[in-house]
Amino acid sequence: MTPKQIATAALTFQPYEGPPPHMELEFQLAPQLVGEEVIRWQMFKDIPKHKRRDELVRNARLWIQIAEKLDWAVITGIHWLPVDAQIETVALIREMVGDKYMLATGLTGTQGIPSSEEMNPLITRMSEDIEGLEEDLGKMCDQAASDIRELTAGGIDIVFLLTDYAFNSGPFFSPRMFRRLVTPFAKRLVETIHEGGAFAVQHTDGNLMLVMDQMLDWGLDGLHSIDPMAGMDIREIRAMAGNRLCLFGNVDCSKVQAGTFDEIEESALYCLEHGPLNGTGFFYATSNCIFEGVPLENYMWMLEVRRRWYEQRMKGKT
């Protein structure tokens, strides 16, 4: 099976051969791993138009190298590019390696935790102009839906909805307000993703337990990142979700950043044991991303733990 076929099987709770598929929502160690930096938003804006095609070709090759070296099933890094450049990159990757990998994008489209500057105005509108707020949230959702249609038509396989809804202590909105100001728009985006033939995965940090019942009704295919630093237990989420959600995570990124190999292994083995359902419905990943400052050797050890875990399981079956 190709990495994409394995990823599809995991997302649809079908059996597959091999260890759980692996991906990272964001990977910021390209210079350490492949010796070059990938293109991010500001970098792309600074590239002269006559050089952009060559840079997109280079960028596509780098992401393929990264996926090959790290045994990814999903290439995620192209979401930093504008929509048209993402679509061009999808075509380039398909030209280079065919349909080997699942290709992902990420975008926002619902109201999450506001910035410090946005906090008071948002709270004021919630009490004084909630109908106007809902209208504006609808427009934001409409724009995201338009981008989703363009991206899925352009070949994107999986859309990560990138909105943080919760602090470590719980959701920003009460369950009642979450039902009014988030859930209808999230459902609309999930429906749009599915209409385009792609998978829908929600990324959010924080403790989501007060709103998990609503999120389970959105029609999502997956949930990332099941934040252990906020008290989210992947074993508990699996029990709640059953086969309704493929789980992405949730190796503690604080351990991957600054922990010992033993601490990384402990967290990794816990999610490998409790994330899957009957050996599927699970992607191995950190509880956030591999950001700049994470020691590459720590991340590589996390991957080694997965390899050893799978080998031990295979030995136990023989």
Protein backbone atom coordinates (compact mmCIF):
# COMPACT_ATOMS: atom_id res chain seq x y z
CA MET A 1 0.00 0.00 0.00
CA THR A 2 1.14 3.56 -0.66
CA PRO A 3 1.32 6.10 2.19
CA LYS A 4 -1.85 7.71 0.81
CA GLN A 5 -3.68 4.39 0.73
CA ILE A 6 -2.67 3.72 4.34
CA ALA A 7 -3.77 7.22 5.36
CA THR A 8 -7.12 6.70 3.65
CA ALA A 9 -7.56 3.37 5.41
CA ALA A 10 -6.82 4.94 8.80
CA LEU A 11 -9.26 7.80 8.20
CA THR A 12 -12.01 5.39 7.20
CA PHE A 13 -11.29 2.77 9.89
CA GLN A 14 -10.17 0.14 7.41
CA PRO A 15 -7.31 -2.31 8.03
CA TYR A 16 -3.84 -1.76 6.59
CA GLU A 17 -0.38 -3.24 6.90
CA GLY A 18 2.45 -1.50 8.74
CA PRO A 19 2.74 0.94 11.64
CA PRO A 20 0.19 3.73 12.12
CA PRO A 21 0.54 6.44 9.46
CA HIS A 22 2.60 9.42 10.55
CA MET A 23 2.39 13.15 9.81
CA GLU A 24 3.06 16.49 11.41
CA LEU A 25 0.82 19.49 10.98
CA GLU A 26 3.84 21.80 10.84
CA PHE A 27 7.53 20.99 10.43
CA GLN A 28 10.04 23.79 10.93
CA LEU A 29 13.32 21.85 10.88
CA ALA A 30 13.80 21.57 7.11
CA PRO A 31 17.29 23.19 7.17
CA GLN A 32 18.51 20.64 9.72
CA LEU A 33 16.95 17.69 7.88
CA VAL A 34 17.43 18.47 4.18
CA GLY A 35 19.80 21.44 4.23
CA GLU A 36 17.37 24.00 2.75
CA GLU A 37 14.46 26.10 3.97
CA VAL A 38 10.98 25.53 2.60
CA ILE A 39 8.83 28.43 1.44
CA ARG A 40 6.60 30.17 3.94
CA TRP A 41 4.15 33.02 3.37
CA GLN A 42 6.45 36.03 3.74
CA MET A 43 9.19 34.32 1.76
CA PHE A 44 6.81 33.66 -1.12
CA LYS A 45 5.69 37.29 -1.25
CA ASP A 46 9.33 38.35 -1.58
CA ILE A 47 10.08 36.06 -4.54
CA PRO A 48 10.03 37.92 -7.90
CA LYS A 49 7.16 36.69 -10.05
CA HIS A 50 9.47 35.41 -12.80
CA LYS A 51 11.22 33.14 -10.29
CA ARG A 52 8.17 31.76 -8.51
CA ARG A 53 7.70 28.69 -10.73
CA ASP A 54 11.29 27.55 -10.13
CA GLU A 55 10.92 28.14 -6.40
CA LEU A 56 7.68 26.17 -6.27
CA VAL A 57 9.42 23.28 -8.05
CA ARG A 58 12.25 23.41 -5.51
CA ASN A 59 9.77 23.62 -2.66
CA ALA A 60 7.78 20.63 -3.92
CA ARG A 61 10.95 18.55 -4.13
CA LEU A 62 11.91 19.52 -0.58
CA TRP A 63 8.55 18.46 0.84
CA ILE A 64 8.81 15.13 -0.96
CA GLN A 65 12.31 14.64 0.52
CA ILE A 66 10.99 15.48 3.99
CA ALA A 67 8.07 13.06 3.62
CA GLU A 68 10.40 10.29 2.46
CA LYS A 69 12.93 10.82 5.25
CA LEU A 70 10.29 11.01 7.99
CA ASP A 71 7.91 8.34 6.66
CA TRP A 72 5.00 10.75 6.37
CA ALA A 73 1.70 9.68 4.87
CA VAL A 74 0.52 13.29 4.47
CA ILE A 75 2.44 16.28 3.10
CA THR A 76 1.24 19.32 5.04
CA GLY A 77 3.70 22.17 4.45
CA ILE A 78 2.14 23.70 1.37
CA HIS A 79 -0.63 25.41 3.37
CA TRP A 80 1.70 28.38 3.92
CA LEU A 81 1.33 29.30 0.26
CA PRO A 82 -1.47 31.33 -1.38
CA VAL A 83 -4.32 29.23 -2.75
CA ASP A 84 -3.18 29.38 -6.38
CA ALA A 85 0.39 28.45 -5.42
CA GLN A 86 -0.91 25.55 -3.31
CA ILE A 87 -2.82 24.21 -6.30
CA GLU A 88 0.25 24.56 -8.51
CA THR A 89 2.31 22.72 -5.90
CA VAL A 90 -0.23 19.89 -5.75
CA ALA A 91 0.16 19.44 -9.51
CA LEU A 92 3.96 19.51 -9.21
CA ILE A 93 4.05 16.88 -6.47
CA ARG A 94 1.70 14.66 -8.44
CA GLU A 95 3.96 15.00 -11.47
CA MET A 96 7.00 14.03 -9.40
CA VAL A 97 5.69 11.11 -7.34
CA GLY A 98 2.18 10.42 -8.59
CA ASP A 99 -0.53 9.73 -6.03
CA LYS A 100 1.92 8.46 -3.40
CA TYR A 101 1.09 10.93 -0.61
CA MET A 102 -2.05 12.51 0.74
CA LEU A 103 -1.77 16.28 0.24
CA ALA A 104 -3.14 18.63 2.87
CA THR A 105 -4.02 22.25 3.38
CA GLY A 106 -5.02 24.19 6.47
CA LEU A 107 -7.19 27.25 6.99
CA THR A 108 -9.39 29.04 9.48
CA GLY A 109 -13.06 29.82 9.03
CA THR A 110 -14.65 29.91 12.46
CA GLN A 111 -14.25 32.05 15.56
CA GLY A 112 -11.71 30.73 18.02
CA ILE A 113 -9.84 32.28 20.93
CA PRO A 114 -9.46 35.98 20.05
CA SER A 115 -6.19 37.85 20.32
CA SER A 116 -5.72 40.21 23.26
CA GLU A 117 -6.65 43.14 21.00
CA GLU A 118 -9.81 41.39 19.77
CA MET A 119 -10.96 40.07 23.14
CA ASN A 120 -12.92 43.06 24.51
CA PRO A 121 -14.57 44.00 21.18
CA LEU A 122 -15.70 40.40 20.72
CA ILE A 123 -17.14 40.15 24.21
CA THR A 124 -18.92 43.49 23.70
CA ARG A 125 -20.48 42.28 20.46
CA MET A 126 -21.58 39.04 22.10
CA SER A 127 -23.62 41.06 24.61
CA GLU A 128 -24.72 44.00 22.46
CA ASP A 129 -24.77 42.87 18.81
CA ILE A 130 -24.77 39.10 18.64
CA GLU A 131 -26.90 39.03 15.46
CA GLY A 132 -24.38 41.28 13.71
CA LEU A 133 -21.56 39.11 15.00
CA GLU A 134 -23.24 36.01 13.60
CA GLU A 135 -23.60 37.76 10.24
CA ASP A 136 -19.87 38.57 10.18
CA LEU A 137 -18.97 35.02 11.22
CA GLY A 138 -21.11 33.80 8.35
CA LYS A 139 -19.11 35.94 5.92
CA MET A 140 -15.83 34.58 7.31
CA CYS A 141 -17.17 31.07 6.89
CA ASP A 142 -18.29 31.82 3.34
CA GLN A 143 -14.79 32.97 2.38
CA ALA A 144 -13.24 29.86 3.87
CA ALA A 145 -15.78 27.69 2.05
CA SER A 146 -14.88 29.40 -1.22
CA ASP A 147 -11.19 28.66 -0.66
CA ILE A 148 -12.01 25.06 0.25
CA ARG A 149 -13.92 24.55 -3.00
CA GLU A 150 -11.00 25.89 -4.99
CA LEU A 151 -8.44 23.79 -3.11
CA THR A 152 -10.35 20.52 -3.25
CA ALA A 153 -11.05 21.05 -6.95
CA GLY A 154 -7.28 21.54 -7.29
CA GLY A 155 -6.50 18.15 -5.78
CA ILE A 156 -6.19 18.66 -2.03
CA ASP A 157 -7.02 15.43 -0.17
CA ILE A 158 -7.38 16.60 3.41
CA VAL A 159 -8.30 19.96 4.95
CA PHE A 160 -7.20 20.83 8.48
CA LEU A 161 -9.46 23.42 10.09
CA LEU A 162 -6.97 25.46 12.11
CA THR A 163 -8.86 27.14 14.92
CA ASP A 164 -7.96 26.92 18.59
CA TYR A 165 -11.12 26.86 20.68
CA ALA A 166 -9.85 26.20 24.17
CA PHE A 167 -7.36 27.15 26.86
CA ASN A 168 -5.82 24.55 29.16
CA SER A 169 -8.69 25.25 31.53
CA GLY A 170 -11.46 24.78 28.95
CA PRO A 171 -13.17 26.37 25.92
CA PHE A 172 -13.21 30.13 25.39
CA PHE A 173 -16.96 30.03 24.70
CA SER A 174 -19.48 28.45 27.04
CA PRO A 175 -21.15 25.35 25.54
CA ARG A 176 -24.26 27.46 24.83
CA MET A 177 -22.32 30.16 22.99
CA PHE A 178 -20.17 27.55 21.26
CA ARG A 179 -23.37 26.00 19.91
CA ARG A 180 -24.44 29.38 18.53
CA LEU A 181 -21.18 30.98 17.36
CA VAL A 182 -19.03 28.00 16.32
CA THR A 183 -20.94 24.80 15.65
CA PRO A 184 -23.18 25.95 12.74
CA PHE A 185 -20.21 27.40 10.84
CA ALA A 186 -17.93 24.44 11.54
CA LYS A 187 -20.61 22.06 10.26
CA ARG A 188 -20.91 24.12 7.09
CA LEU A 189 -17.17 23.91 6.45
CA VAL A 190 -17.08 20.17 7.06
CA GLU A 191 -19.92 19.71 4.59
CA THR A 192 -18.07 21.83 2.02
CA ILE A 193 -14.91 19.76 2.45
CA HIS A 194 -16.84 16.53 1.97
CA GLU A 195 -18.63 17.92 -1.08
CA GLY A 196 -15.17 18.45 -2.59
CA GLY A 197 -14.23 14.83 -1.94
CA ALA A 198 -11.69 15.58 0.81
CA PHE A 199 -11.34 14.63 4.47
CA ALA A 200 -12.02 17.16 7.24
CA VAL A 201 -9.83 17.27 10.36
CA GLN A 202 -10.13 19.82 13.15
CA HIS A 203 -6.97 21.09 14.81
CA THR A 204 -7.35 22.76 18.17
CA ASP A 205 -5.28 22.92 21.32
CA GLY A 206 -6.72 23.13 24.81
CA ASN A 207 -9.22 21.21 26.91
CA LEU A 208 -12.28 20.52 24.78
CA MET A 209 -14.24 18.23 27.08
CA LEU A 210 -17.16 20.64 27.60
CA VAL A 211 -17.80 20.86 23.85
CA MET A 212 -16.70 17.42 22.63
CA ASP A 213 -20.32 16.32 22.29
CA GLN A 214 -20.90 19.12 19.78
CA MET A 215 -17.69 18.45 17.88
CA LEU A 216 -18.59 14.79 17.53
CA ASP A 217 -21.73 15.90 15.68
CA TRP A 218 -19.93 18.08 13.14
CA GLY A 219 -19.21 15.17 10.81
CA LEU A 220 -15.44 15.51 11.13
CA ASP A 221 -13.21 12.71 9.91
CA GLY A 222 -10.48 13.44 12.44
CA LEU A 223 -9.30 15.45 15.44
CA HIS A 224 -5.81 16.85 15.99
CA SER A 225 -3.99 17.33 18.49
CA ILE A 226 -5.70 16.07 21.70
CA ASP A 227 -3.59 18.31 23.91
CA PRO A 228 -2.10 16.36 26.87
CA MET A 229 -0.77 19.55 28.47
CA ALA A 230 -4.41 20.64 28.79
CA GLY A 231 -5.46 17.37 30.37
CA MET A 232 -6.80 15.75 27.20
CA ASP A 233 -6.37 11.97 27.47
CA ILE A 234 -6.32 10.16 24.13
CA ARG A 235 -7.63 7.03 25.82
CA GLU A 236 -10.68 8.92 27.08
CA ILE A 237 -11.28 10.61 23.72
CA ARG A 238 -11.10 7.27 21.94
CA ALA A 239 -13.70 5.87 24.33
CA MET A 240 -15.97 8.84 23.65
CA ALA A 241 -15.47 8.95 19.89
CA GLY A 242 -15.39 5.26 19.03
CA ASN A 243 -15.21 4.98 15.26
CA ARG A 244 -16.65 8.46 14.69
CA LEU A 245 -13.25 10.19 14.72
CA CYS A 246 -9.80 9.28 13.50
CA LEU A 247 -7.42 10.58 16.19
CA PHE A 248 -4.23 12.49 15.34
CA GLY A 249 -1.62 12.68 18.08
CA ASN A 250 -0.74 12.99 20.72
CA VAL A 251 2.92 12.61 21.72
CA ASP A 252 3.51 15.40 24.25
CA CYS A 253 5.32 18.12 22.31
CA SER A 254 6.80 19.56 25.52
CA LYS A 255 8.57 16.22 26.00
CA VAL A 256 9.72 16.15 22.37
CA GLN A 257 11.08 19.67 22.80
CA ALA A 258 12.78 19.39 26.18
CA GLY A 259 12.26 15.92 27.63
CA THR A 260 14.51 12.91 27.92
CA PHE A 261 14.34 9.99 25.51
CA ASP A 262 12.58 7.99 28.24
CA GLU A 263 9.92 10.70 28.67
CA ILE A 264 9.36 10.88 24.91
CA GLU A 265 9.04 7.11 24.75
CA GLU A 266 6.55 6.99 27.62
CA SER A 267 4.28 9.53 25.96
CA ALA A 268 4.68 7.93 22.53
CA LEU A 269 3.85 4.43 23.74
CA TYR A 270 0.74 5.68 25.54
CA CYS A 271 -0.71 7.20 22.38
CA LEU A 272 0.32 4.21 20.24
CA GLU A 273 -1.51 1.88 22.63
CA HIS A 274 -4.63 3.96 23.20
CA GLY A 275 -5.07 6.02 20.01
CA PRO A 276 -6.01 3.28 17.53
CA LEU A 277 -9.30 1.41 17.47
CA ASN A 278 -8.80 -2.21 16.45
CA GLY A 279 -5.49 -1.23 14.85
CA THR A 280 -6.79 1.65 12.72
CA GLY A 281 -8.40 5.11 12.97
CA PHE A 282 -5.20 6.75 14.20
CA PHE A 283 -2.29 8.89 12.99
CA TYR A 284 0.95 9.09 14.95
CA ALA A 285 1.90 12.73 15.55
CA THR A 286 2.92 15.20 18.21
CA SER A 287 0.37 17.08 20.28
CA ASN A 288 1.09 20.24 18.28
CA CYS A 289 3.87 20.38 15.71
CA ILE A 290 7.62 20.17 15.19
CA PHE A 291 8.49 23.81 15.63
CA GLU A 292 11.81 25.63 15.46
CA GLY A 293 13.81 24.83 18.58
CA VAL A 294 12.80 21.17 18.83
CA PRO A 295 16.00 19.07 18.74
CA LEU A 296 15.89 17.00 15.56
CA GLU A 297 17.35 14.02 17.44
CA ASN A 298 14.38 14.08 19.83
CA TYR A 299 11.93 13.94 16.95
CA MET A 300 13.88 11.16 15.26
CA TRP A 301 13.75 9.21 18.53
CA MET A 302 9.98 9.64 18.57
CA LEU A 303 9.91 7.99 15.12
CA GLU A 304 12.24 5.25 16.32
CA VAL A 305 9.83 4.47 19.17
CA ARG A 306 7.07 3.94 16.61
CA ARG A 307 9.27 1.61 14.55
CA ARG A 308 10.28 -0.45 17.58
CA TRP A 309 6.72 -0.60 18.89
CA TYR A 310 5.49 -1.99 15.58
CA GLU A 311 8.32 -4.53 15.35
CA GLN A 312 7.49 -5.78 18.83
CA ARG A 313 3.84 -6.19 17.91
CA MET A 314 4.81 -8.17 14.81
CA LYS A 315 7.09 -10.42 16.85
CA GLY A 316 4.22 -11.08 19.25
CA LYS A 317 2.07 -12.33 16.37
CA THR A 318 4.63 -14.85 15.14
